[in-house]
Amino acid sequence: MSPSADLFWGYDLGDLTDQRTWDSLKPEWMDDDGDWEEIYAQRAAGWVEAPFPDHSSIPSRSELYREYGYQRAEDEIRKAEDALCETPEYRAWSASRKRLREIIEQSGIQLDTYGYIDEPSYCVYVKDSHQRVDDYGCVNVSPLIVDPVWKKQLLDFMGLMELPVPQGEEPGWRLSCSYS
């Protein structure tokens, strides 16, 4: 377990609970344990993930270790994995994951957590503003410059993802701390 600190320009969403009523402010997709990146890519660009191919042909490590010993077992598994990677199904899945990464990169926005792993709080920020220090390090802070398009990017993202905009708050520079 070690601390980290993140400096960013965006919104602190807290734990996405209404502090007066204790009602959840989380969008439904968050309650369903949704991966925000996949949800965003689907909504923003119509992305559809190709299914991961059947990989039942890859033998179990434990069975092969018992039968062949470590090195031969690893060689057999590597051959089976390499063969799987050559299939059209795997290539389609891999291409869909690459497209997902491109869509997320183009968004310029990050939905993230901070605090403790067991009780996360949420923030949304402009990726270009993000600065981080891990463990007990020290870093130089880049100039705190705000691009005029950032606010619109944040609000468009939050609208698409059904995230509440904190009432009475403007996006701004935030410093969060995490321990994980």
Protein backbone atom coordinates (compact mmCIF):
# COMPACT_ATOMS: atom_id res chain seq x y z
CA MET A 1 0.00 0.00 0.00
CA SER A 2 1.33 3.40 -0.98
CA PRO A 3 0.03 6.93 -1.42
CA SER A 4 -0.36 8.85 -4.64
CA ALA A 5 -1.51 12.34 -5.46
CA ASP A 6 -3.20 13.62 -8.61
CA LEU A 7 -3.45 17.22 -9.72
CA PHE A 8 -6.04 17.87 -12.44
CA TRP A 9 -8.51 20.33 -13.91
CA GLY A 10 -12.05 19.04 -13.70
CA TYR A 11 -14.78 18.15 -11.23
CA ASP A 12 -14.72 16.31 -7.93
CA LEU A 13 -17.82 14.10 -7.93
CA GLY A 14 -17.27 12.74 -4.43
CA ASP A 15 -18.81 9.35 -3.77
CA LEU A 16 -21.77 10.16 -6.05
CA THR A 17 -24.20 10.23 -3.13
CA ASP A 18 -26.59 13.08 -2.39
CA GLN A 19 -25.32 14.20 1.03
CA ARG A 20 -28.77 15.46 2.09
CA THR A 21 -30.87 12.42 1.18
CA TRP A 22 -28.18 9.71 0.88
CA ASP A 23 -29.62 8.81 -2.51
CA SER A 24 -27.19 7.46 -5.07
CA LEU A 25 -26.32 9.80 -7.91
CA LYS A 26 -24.57 7.08 -9.88
CA PRO A 27 -25.83 6.46 -13.40
CA GLU A 28 -27.41 3.04 -13.89
CA TRP A 29 -24.44 1.77 -15.90
CA MET A 30 -22.20 2.31 -12.85
CA ASP A 31 -24.47 0.19 -10.66
CA ASP A 32 -24.21 -2.56 -13.25
CA ASP A 33 -20.43 -2.54 -12.76
CA GLY A 34 -20.03 -1.10 -16.24
CA ASP A 35 -16.65 -0.26 -17.69
CA TRP A 36 -16.88 3.47 -18.32
CA GLU A 37 -14.54 3.30 -21.29
CA GLU A 38 -16.70 0.73 -23.09
CA ILE A 39 -19.90 2.63 -22.24
CA TYR A 40 -18.38 5.88 -23.49
CA ALA A 41 -17.11 4.32 -26.73
CA GLN A 42 -20.54 2.78 -27.40
CA ARG A 43 -22.34 6.07 -26.80
CA ALA A 44 -19.85 8.42 -28.46
CA ALA A 45 -18.85 6.37 -31.49
CA GLY A 46 -21.16 3.36 -31.76
CA TRP A 47 -18.30 1.04 -30.79
CA VAL A 48 -19.17 -2.66 -30.53
CA GLU A 49 -16.74 -5.13 -29.02
CA ALA A 50 -15.98 -8.24 -31.02
CA PRO A 51 -16.32 -11.28 -28.78
CA PHE A 52 -13.17 -12.85 -27.42
CA PRO A 53 -12.60 -16.11 -29.29
CA ASP A 54 -13.09 -19.50 -27.70
CA HIS A 55 -9.85 -20.28 -25.93
CA SER A 56 -10.75 -23.68 -24.57
CA SER A 57 -8.06 -25.15 -26.81
CA ILE A 58 -5.40 -23.64 -24.55
CA PRO A 59 -4.53 -26.37 -22.08
CA SER A 60 -4.60 -25.88 -18.34
CA ARG A 61 -1.24 -24.96 -16.84
CA SER A 62 -1.68 -27.22 -13.84
CA GLU A 63 -2.47 -30.25 -16.02
CA LEU A 64 0.51 -29.60 -18.28
CA TYR A 65 2.86 -29.00 -15.36
CA ARG A 66 1.94 -32.38 -13.93
CA GLU A 67 2.30 -34.08 -17.30
CA TYR A 68 5.37 -32.37 -18.79
CA GLY A 69 7.09 -30.29 -16.14
CA TYR A 70 7.46 -26.51 -16.16
CA GLN A 71 9.46 -25.73 -19.30
CA ARG A 72 7.67 -28.04 -21.73
CA ALA A 73 4.30 -27.00 -20.27
CA GLU A 74 5.13 -23.32 -20.85
CA ASP A 75 6.26 -24.12 -24.42
CA GLU A 76 2.98 -25.95 -25.14
CA ILE A 77 0.90 -23.12 -23.71
CA ARG A 78 2.85 -20.52 -25.70
CA LYS A 79 2.25 -22.49 -28.91
CA ALA A 80 -1.49 -22.72 -28.19
CA GLU A 81 -1.68 -19.00 -27.36
CA ASP A 82 0.26 -18.08 -30.51
CA ALA A 83 -2.11 -20.21 -32.60
CA LEU A 84 -5.12 -18.48 -31.00
CA CYS A 85 -3.64 -15.05 -31.84
CA GLU A 86 -3.52 -16.03 -35.51
CA THR A 87 -7.26 -16.74 -35.76
CA PRO A 88 -9.61 -14.28 -37.51
CA GLU A 89 -11.73 -14.14 -34.33
CA TYR A 90 -8.79 -13.03 -32.22
CA ARG A 91 -7.74 -10.46 -34.79
CA ALA A 92 -11.28 -9.04 -34.84
CA TRP A 93 -11.35 -8.87 -31.04
CA SER A 94 -7.90 -7.25 -30.97
CA ALA A 95 -8.93 -4.68 -33.60
CA SER A 96 -12.07 -3.81 -31.61
CA ARG A 97 -9.97 -3.26 -28.45
CA LYS A 98 -7.55 -1.07 -30.42
CA ARG A 99 -10.48 1.01 -31.70
CA LEU A 100 -11.75 1.35 -28.11
CA ARG A 101 -8.37 2.75 -26.99
CA GLU A 102 -8.42 5.23 -29.91
CA ILE A 103 -11.91 6.49 -29.01
CA ILE A 104 -10.96 6.95 -25.36
CA GLU A 105 -7.73 8.73 -26.28
CA GLN A 106 -9.62 11.08 -28.61
CA SER A 107 -12.12 11.96 -25.87
CA GLY A 108 -9.47 13.83 -23.90
CA ILE A 109 -11.41 13.17 -20.68
CA GLN A 110 -10.82 10.70 -17.86
CA LEU A 111 -13.26 9.35 -15.29
CA ASP A 112 -11.19 8.24 -12.31
CA THR A 113 -11.36 7.30 -8.66
CA TYR A 114 -9.42 8.50 -5.66
CA GLY A 115 -9.32 7.76 -1.95
CA TYR A 116 -9.34 4.19 -0.69
CA ILE A 117 -9.94 1.21 -2.98
CA ASP A 118 -12.81 -0.03 -0.78
CA GLU A 119 -14.53 3.38 -0.62
CA PRO A 120 -13.73 5.26 -3.81
CA SER A 121 -14.67 8.79 -4.64
CA TYR A 122 -14.92 9.90 -8.27
CA CYS A 123 -13.53 12.70 -10.37
CA VAL A 124 -13.68 13.62 -14.03
CA TYR A 125 -10.90 15.61 -15.61
CA VAL A 126 -9.17 16.74 -18.76
CA LYS A 127 -6.34 14.30 -19.48
CA ASP A 128 -4.01 17.07 -20.66
CA SER A 129 -4.24 18.69 -17.23
CA HIS A 130 -3.38 15.56 -15.23
CA GLN A 131 -0.20 15.42 -13.17
CA ARG A 132 0.62 12.58 -10.75
CA VAL A 133 3.11 11.63 -8.09
CA ASP A 134 3.30 8.09 -6.71
CA ASP A 135 4.72 6.71 -3.50
CA TYR A 136 6.73 9.31 -1.66
CA GLY A 137 8.14 11.07 -4.72
CA CYS A 138 8.31 14.68 -5.70
CA VAL A 139 7.66 16.12 -9.14
CA ASN A 140 7.80 19.52 -10.75
CA VAL A 141 4.32 20.87 -11.39
CA SER A 142 3.65 22.01 -14.94
CA PRO A 143 2.10 25.48 -15.36
CA LEU A 144 -1.59 25.48 -14.41
CA ILE A 145 -2.93 26.69 -17.73
CA VAL A 146 -6.56 26.08 -18.75
CA ASP A 147 -7.52 25.63 -22.40
CA PRO A 148 -10.81 27.43 -23.20
CA VAL A 149 -12.30 24.24 -24.78
CA TRP A 150 -11.84 22.11 -21.65
CA LYS A 151 -15.10 23.08 -19.93
CA LYS A 152 -17.18 22.13 -22.98
CA GLN A 153 -15.28 18.83 -23.30
CA LEU A 154 -16.02 18.02 -19.66
CA LEU A 155 -19.70 18.95 -19.86
CA ASP A 156 -20.21 17.02 -23.12
CA PHE A 157 -18.57 13.94 -21.59
CA MET A 158 -20.57 14.19 -18.37
CA GLY A 159 -23.82 14.60 -20.28
CA LEU A 160 -23.11 11.59 -22.46
CA MET A 161 -22.18 9.50 -19.41
CA GLU A 162 -25.13 10.77 -17.29
CA LEU A 163 -22.78 12.05 -14.59
CA PRO A 164 -24.13 14.81 -12.35
CA VAL A 165 -22.48 18.21 -12.63
CA PRO A 166 -21.84 19.41 -9.06
CA GLN A 167 -24.36 22.17 -8.33
CA GLY A 168 -22.91 25.60 -7.88
CA GLU A 169 -19.40 24.48 -8.84
CA GLU A 170 -17.25 25.24 -11.82
CA PRO A 171 -14.53 22.91 -13.00
CA GLY A 172 -11.20 23.86 -11.52
CA TRP A 173 -7.82 22.66 -10.36
CA ARG A 174 -8.14 19.82 -7.87
CA LEU A 175 -5.65 17.81 -5.87
CA SER A 176 -6.70 14.33 -4.81
CA CYS A 177 -4.94 11.75 -2.71
CA SER A 178 -5.25 7.99 -2.89
CA TYR A 179 -3.93 5.13 -0.85
CA SER A 180 -3.82 1.76 -2.52
